[in-house]
Amino acid sequence: MEIEFKVLTLNCWGIPFISKDVLPRMRSIAEYLGKSDYDVVCLQEVWAIADYNLIRDVVVSTYPFSHYFYSGVIGSGVCIFSKYLLQDVFFHQWPLNGYIHKIQHGDWFAGKGIAMCRVIVKGFSVNIYTSHLLAEYNRTCDEYETHRMLQVFDTAQFIQLTSGAADFIVLAGDLNTEPGDLPHRFV
């Protein structure tokens, strides 16, 4: 049996006090999603719960099931919207998330990790994983490459441990890595 399953992943760039035009952007994203026909939408950098609520309230008739993954001091910034009932919703926070003294980077405060939920589509069990790896602030002198590598390794282990009952899996998100980078090759 063949099924069509459409997933959108998007970094919404909703960093409070840093990102410009956050509210108009979130409204535009919500309006677009409200008219879209994806099965599942995975969003990153939805840092403010008010932004999540805004999107949820606009898209509820299209995506009646959603979840915001709370973590760390300021939240994970990760959320999922779905046409299908979300089952087995879980968030695994990575043990390594940047440095507390790098306040300007903010990653440590976010408590980043890998989010998971299961949906049933035409009798098939589908595990959806979404994540937002630590940012790459300086490509030529990347002090966080080892952090991202450990996050990817931890993610791979988590997926292996939780996907046994799934008919297929989807890994979505902002992995902050490019083809050829060690974390990208590992995935």
C-alpha atoms as a PDB file:
ATOM      1  CA  MET A   1       0.000   0.000   0.000  1.00  0.00           C
ATOM      2  CA  GLU A   2       1.249   3.467  -0.856  1.00  0.00           C
ATOM      3  CA  ILE A   3       0.401   6.586   1.125  1.00  0.00           C
ATOM      4  CA  GLU A   4       1.165  10.236   0.619  1.00  0.00           C
ATOM      5  CA  PHE A   5       2.409  12.043   3.719  1.00  0.00           C
ATOM      6  CA  LYS A   6       3.368  15.725   3.508  1.00  0.00           C
ATOM      7  CA  VAL A   7       5.550  17.368   6.137  1.00  0.00           C
ATOM      8  CA  LEU A   8       6.681  20.980   6.407  1.00  0.00           C
ATOM      9  CA  THR A   9       9.536  22.053   8.645  1.00  0.00           C
ATOM     10  CA  LEU A  10      10.336  25.723   9.188  1.00  0.00           C
ATOM     11  CA  ASN A  11      12.583  27.819  11.403  1.00  0.00           C
ATOM     12  CA  CYS A  12      10.317  30.778  12.214  1.00  0.00           C
ATOM     13  CA  TRP A  13      13.137  33.047  13.448  1.00  0.00           C
ATOM     14  CA  GLY A  14      11.167  34.178  16.469  1.00  0.00           C
ATOM     15  CA  ILE A  15      13.955  35.186  18.849  1.00  0.00           C
ATOM     16  CA  PRO A  16      12.534  37.792  21.255  1.00  0.00           C
ATOM     17  CA  PHE A  17      14.275  41.197  21.129  1.00  0.00           C
ATOM     18  CA  ILE A  18      16.656  40.027  18.367  1.00  0.00           C
ATOM     19  CA  SER A  19      14.575  38.900  15.405  1.00  0.00           C
ATOM     20  CA  LYS A  20      12.836  41.698  13.537  1.00  0.00           C
ATOM     21  CA  ASP A  21       9.112  41.761  12.779  1.00  0.00           C
ATOM     22  CA  VAL A  22       8.327  38.647  14.817  1.00  0.00           C
ATOM     23  CA  LEU A  23       4.602  39.305  15.223  1.00  0.00           C
ATOM     24  CA  PRO A  24       3.930  40.042  11.523  1.00  0.00           C
ATOM     25  CA  ARG A  25       6.025  36.994  10.586  1.00  0.00           C
ATOM     26  CA  MET A  26       4.110  34.711  12.962  1.00  0.00           C
ATOM     27  CA  ARG A  27       0.810  36.041  11.604  1.00  0.00           C
ATOM     28  CA  SER A  28       1.942  35.381   8.028  1.00  0.00           C
ATOM     29  CA  ILE A  29       3.108  31.876   8.920  1.00  0.00           C
ATOM     30  CA  ALA A  30      -0.214  31.175  10.653  1.00  0.00           C
ATOM     31  CA  GLU A  31      -2.223  32.450   7.672  1.00  0.00           C
ATOM     32  CA  TYR A  32      -0.169  30.347   5.254  1.00  0.00           C
ATOM     33  CA  LEU A  33      -0.479  27.217   7.384  1.00  0.00           C
ATOM     34  CA  GLY A  34      -4.212  27.745   7.811  1.00  0.00           C
ATOM     35  CA  LYS A  35      -4.594  27.370   4.030  1.00  0.00           C
ATOM     36  CA  SER A  36      -1.993  24.619   3.575  1.00  0.00           C
ATOM     37  CA  ASP A  37      -2.493  20.899   3.048  1.00  0.00           C
ATOM     38  CA  TYR A  38       0.440  19.323   4.893  1.00  0.00           C
ATOM     39  CA  ASP A  39      -0.207  16.376   7.157  1.00  0.00           C
ATOM     40  CA  VAL A  40       2.249  17.540   9.811  1.00  0.00           C
ATOM     41  CA  VAL A  41       4.038  20.850  10.398  1.00  0.00           C
ATOM     42  CA  CYS A  42       7.183  21.068  12.531  1.00  0.00           C
ATOM     43  CA  LEU A  43       8.233  24.561  13.603  1.00  0.00           C
ATOM     44  CA  GLN A  44      11.402  25.773  15.288  1.00  0.00           C
ATOM     45  CA  GLU A  45      12.229  29.083  17.004  1.00  0.00           C
ATOM     46  CA  VAL A  46       8.707  29.677  18.219  1.00  0.00           C
ATOM     47  CA  TRP A  47      10.143  30.922  21.500  1.00  0.00           C
ATOM     48  CA  ALA A  48       7.172  32.839  22.886  1.00  0.00           C
ATOM     49  CA  ILE A  49       4.130  30.855  23.973  1.00  0.00           C
ATOM     50  CA  ALA A  50       2.044  33.784  22.696  1.00  0.00           C
ATOM     51  CA  ASP A  51       3.428  33.108  19.195  1.00  0.00           C
ATOM     52  CA  TYR A  52       2.557  29.414  19.494  1.00  0.00           C
ATOM     53  CA  ASN A  53      -0.958  30.317  20.676  1.00  0.00           C
ATOM     54  CA  LEU A  54      -1.392  32.776  17.807  1.00  0.00           C
ATOM     55  CA  ILE A  55      -0.464  30.114  15.239  1.00  0.00           C
ATOM     56  CA  ARG A  56      -2.520  27.420  16.979  1.00  0.00           C
ATOM     57  CA  ASP A  57      -5.625  29.594  17.112  1.00  0.00           C
ATOM     58  CA  VAL A  58      -5.425  30.382  13.383  1.00  0.00           C
ATOM     59  CA  VAL A  59      -4.696  26.828  12.177  1.00  0.00           C
ATOM     60  CA  VAL A  60      -6.889  24.796  14.540  1.00  0.00           C
ATOM     61  CA  SER A  61      -9.449  23.947  11.841  1.00  0.00           C
ATOM     62  CA  THR A  62      -6.680  22.673   9.523  1.00  0.00           C
ATOM     63  CA  TYR A  63      -4.444  21.166  12.216  1.00  0.00           C
ATOM     64  CA  PRO A  64      -6.631  20.280  15.201  1.00  0.00           C
ATOM     65  CA  PHE A  65      -3.773  18.584  17.075  1.00  0.00           C
ATOM     66  CA  SER A  66      -0.685  20.416  18.252  1.00  0.00           C
ATOM     67  CA  HIS A  67       1.925  20.426  20.961  1.00  0.00           C
ATOM     68  CA  TYR A  68       4.512  22.910  22.231  1.00  0.00           C
ATOM     69  CA  PHE A  69       7.548  21.240  23.790  1.00  0.00           C
ATOM     70  CA  TYR A  70       8.493  23.018  27.012  1.00  0.00           C
ATOM     71  CA  SER A  71      12.112  22.709  28.109  1.00  0.00           C
ATOM     72  CA  GLY A  72      14.877  24.697  29.748  1.00  0.00           C
ATOM     73  CA  VAL A  73      14.443  28.239  31.010  1.00  0.00           C
ATOM     74  CA  ILE A  74      12.889  29.757  27.871  1.00  0.00           C
ATOM     75  CA  GLY A  75      11.369  26.699  26.198  1.00  0.00           C
ATOM     76  CA  SER A  76      12.593  24.517  23.363  1.00  0.00           C
ATOM     77  CA  GLY A  77      11.098  26.727  20.649  1.00  0.00           C
ATOM     78  CA  VAL A  78       9.851  23.539  18.966  1.00  0.00           C
ATOM     79  CA  CYS A  79       6.211  22.709  18.230  1.00  0.00           C
ATOM     80  CA  ILE A  80       4.201  20.349  16.037  1.00  0.00           C
ATOM     81  CA  PHE A  81       0.846  20.810  14.294  1.00  0.00           C
ATOM     82  CA  SER A  82      -0.950  17.795  12.853  1.00  0.00           C
ATOM     83  CA  LYS A  83      -4.092  16.665  11.060  1.00  0.00           C
ATOM     84  CA  TYR A  84      -3.803  13.434  13.038  1.00  0.00           C
ATOM     85  CA  LEU A  85      -4.093  12.746  16.748  1.00  0.00           C
ATOM     86  CA  LEU A  86      -0.690  13.098  18.425  1.00  0.00           C
ATOM     87  CA  GLN A  87       0.194  10.024  20.454  1.00  0.00           C
ATOM     88  CA  ASP A  88       3.201   9.187  22.628  1.00  0.00           C
ATOM     89  CA  VAL A  89       4.348  12.806  22.774  1.00  0.00           C
ATOM     90  CA  PHE A  90       7.777  13.117  24.353  1.00  0.00           C
ATOM     91  CA  PHE A  91      10.744  15.497  24.547  1.00  0.00           C
ATOM     92  CA  HIS A  92      14.306  14.387  25.245  1.00  0.00           C
ATOM     93  CA  GLN A  93      16.569  17.256  26.311  1.00  0.00           C
ATOM     94  CA  TRP A  94      20.193  16.936  25.254  1.00  0.00           C
ATOM     95  CA  PRO A  95      22.764  16.957  28.042  1.00  0.00           C
ATOM     96  CA  LEU A  96      25.020  19.381  26.121  1.00  0.00           C
ATOM     97  CA  ASN A  97      23.476  22.683  24.983  1.00  0.00           C
ATOM     98  CA  GLY A  98      26.110  25.380  24.731  1.00  0.00           C
ATOM     99  CA  TYR A  99      27.662  27.381  27.530  1.00  0.00           C
ATOM    100  CA  ILE A 100      25.891  29.207  30.343  1.00  0.00           C
ATOM    101  CA  HIS A 101      28.425  32.058  30.190  1.00  0.00           C
ATOM    102  CA  LYS A 102      27.599  32.670  26.491  1.00  0.00           C
ATOM    103  CA  ILE A 103      24.420  34.538  27.416  1.00  0.00           C
ATOM    104  CA  GLN A 104      24.335  36.282  24.039  1.00  0.00           C
ATOM    105  CA  HIS A 105      23.933  32.910  22.302  1.00  0.00           C
ATOM    106  CA  GLY A 106      21.025  31.760  24.443  1.00  0.00           C
ATOM    107  CA  ASP A 107      21.220  28.075  23.472  1.00  0.00           C
ATOM    108  CA  TRP A 108      21.952  26.898  27.018  1.00  0.00           C
ATOM    109  CA  PHE A 109      18.800  28.584  28.316  1.00  0.00           C
ATOM    110  CA  ALA A 110      16.613  26.941  25.670  1.00  0.00           C
ATOM    111  CA  GLY A 111      17.145  23.378  26.835  1.00  0.00           C
ATOM    112  CA  LYS A 112      17.233  22.098  23.265  1.00  0.00           C
ATOM    113  CA  GLY A 113      16.552  18.481  22.421  1.00  0.00           C
ATOM    114  CA  ILE A 114      14.632  16.080  20.205  1.00  0.00           C
ATOM    115  CA  ALA A 115      10.827  16.096  20.175  1.00  0.00           C
ATOM    116  CA  MET A 116       8.799  13.057  19.210  1.00  0.00           C
ATOM    117  CA  CYS A 117       5.197  12.122  18.595  1.00  0.00           C
ATOM    118  CA  ARG A 118       3.424   9.263  16.883  1.00  0.00           C
ATOM    119  CA  VAL A 119       0.528   9.546  14.444  1.00  0.00           C
ATOM    120  CA  ILE A 120      -1.507   6.838  12.743  1.00  0.00           C
ATOM    121  CA  VAL A 121      -2.020   7.416   9.018  1.00  0.00           C
ATOM    122  CA  LYS A 122      -4.218   4.932   7.128  1.00  0.00           C
ATOM    123  CA  GLY A 123      -3.260   2.216   9.599  1.00  0.00           C
ATOM    124  CA  PHE A 124       0.469   3.020   9.496  1.00  0.00           C
ATOM    125  CA  SER A 125       2.322   4.097  12.624  1.00  0.00           C
ATOM    126  CA  VAL A 126       4.483   7.141  11.866  1.00  0.00           C
ATOM    127  CA  ASN A 127       7.013   8.564  14.305  1.00  0.00           C
ATOM    128  CA  ILE A 128       7.643  12.275  13.803  1.00  0.00           C
ATOM    129  CA  TYR A 129      10.861  13.671  15.243  1.00  0.00           C
ATOM    130  CA  THR A 130      11.717  17.346  15.168  1.00  0.00           C
ATOM    131  CA  SER A 131      14.637  19.237  16.541  1.00  0.00           C
ATOM    132  CA  HIS A 132      16.746  22.374  16.464  1.00  0.00           C
ATOM    133  CA  LEU A 133      20.450  21.771  16.893  1.00  0.00           C
ATOM    134  CA  LEU A 134      22.735  24.321  18.482  1.00  0.00           C
ATOM    135  CA  ALA A 135      23.514  27.260  16.210  1.00  0.00           C
ATOM    136  CA  GLU A 136      26.722  27.723  14.267  1.00  0.00           C
ATOM    137  CA  TYR A 137      27.789  31.240  15.220  1.00  0.00           C
ATOM    138  CA  ASN A 138      31.145  31.258  13.428  1.00  0.00           C
ATOM    139  CA  ARG A 139      31.752  28.921  10.479  1.00  0.00           C
ATOM    140  CA  THR A 140      35.545  29.434  10.458  1.00  0.00           C
ATOM    141  CA  CYS A 141      35.999  28.986  14.214  1.00  0.00           C
ATOM    142  CA  ASP A 142      33.064  26.836  15.299  1.00  0.00           C
ATOM    143  CA  GLU A 143      33.249  26.330  19.048  1.00  0.00           C
ATOM    144  CA  TYR A 144      30.003  24.322  19.015  1.00  0.00           C
ATOM    145  CA  GLU A 145      30.686  21.648  16.376  1.00  0.00           C
ATOM    146  CA  THR A 146      31.334  19.060  19.092  1.00  0.00           C
ATOM    147  CA  HIS A 147      28.075  20.065  20.798  1.00  0.00           C
ATOM    148  CA  ARG A 148      26.127  19.539  17.557  1.00  0.00           C
ATOM    149  CA  MET A 149      27.937  16.247  16.967  1.00  0.00           C
ATOM    150  CA  LEU A 150      26.917  14.998  20.411  1.00  0.00           C
ATOM    151  CA  GLN A 151      23.372  16.272  19.851  1.00  0.00           C
ATOM    152  CA  VAL A 152      23.189  14.359  16.553  1.00  0.00           C
ATOM    153  CA  PHE A 153      24.612  11.217  18.171  1.00  0.00           C
ATOM    154  CA  ASP A 154      22.115  11.483  21.042  1.00  0.00           C
ATOM    155  CA  THR A 155      19.312  12.069  18.515  1.00  0.00           C
ATOM    156  CA  ALA A 156      20.295   8.964  16.543  1.00  0.00           C
ATOM    157  CA  GLN A 157      20.281   6.877  19.722  1.00  0.00           C
ATOM    158  CA  PHE A 158      16.914   8.303  20.771  1.00  0.00           C
ATOM    159  CA  ILE A 159      15.377   7.532  17.372  1.00  0.00           C
ATOM    160  CA  GLN A 160      16.791   4.014  17.420  1.00  0.00           C
ATOM    161  CA  LEU A 161      15.355   3.390  20.897  1.00  0.00           C
ATOM    162  CA  THR A 162      11.892   4.811  20.155  1.00  0.00           C
ATOM    163  CA  SER A 163      11.179   3.835  16.556  1.00  0.00           C
ATOM    164  CA  GLY A 164      10.880   0.057  16.844  1.00  0.00           C
ATOM    165  CA  ALA A 165       7.081   0.018  16.539  1.00  0.00           C
ATOM    166  CA  ALA A 166       6.942   2.617  13.750  1.00  0.00           C
ATOM    167  CA  ASP A 167       6.210   1.686  10.142  1.00  0.00           C
ATOM    168  CA  PHE A 168       8.208   4.722   9.071  1.00  0.00           C
ATOM    169  CA  ILE A 169       9.827   7.768  10.627  1.00  0.00           C
ATOM    170  CA  VAL A 170      10.331  11.417   9.737  1.00  0.00           C
ATOM    171  CA  LEU A 171      13.175  13.553  11.076  1.00  0.00           C
ATOM    172  CA  ALA A 172      12.440  17.243  10.574  1.00  0.00           C
ATOM    173  CA  GLY A 173      13.890  20.423  11.967  1.00  0.00           C
ATOM    174  CA  ASP A 174      16.737  22.879  11.770  1.00  0.00           C
ATOM    175  CA  LEU A 175      19.900  20.820  12.095  1.00  0.00           C
ATOM    176  CA  ASN A 176      22.210  23.850  11.714  1.00  0.00           C
ATOM    177  CA  THR A 177      24.610  21.833   9.597  1.00  0.00           C
ATOM    178  CA  GLU A 178      25.513  21.664   5.929  1.00  0.00           C
ATOM    179  CA  PRO A 179      26.313  18.763   3.599  1.00  0.00           C
ATOM    180  CA  GLY A 180      29.885  17.715   4.266  1.00  0.00           C
ATOM    181  CA  ASP A 181      29.866  18.799   7.926  1.00  0.00           C
ATOM    182  CA  LEU A 182      30.573  15.967  10.347  1.00  0.00           C
ATOM    183  CA  PRO A 183      27.148  16.119  12.080  1.00  0.00           C
ATOM    184  CA  HIS A 184      25.413  16.098   8.681  1.00  0.00           C
ATOM    185  CA  ARG A 185      27.419  13.079   7.518  1.00  0.00           C
ATOM    186  CA  PHE A 186      26.540  11.266  10.743  1.00  0.00           C
ATOM    187  CA  VAL A 187      22.810  11.791  10.282  1.00  0.00           C
END
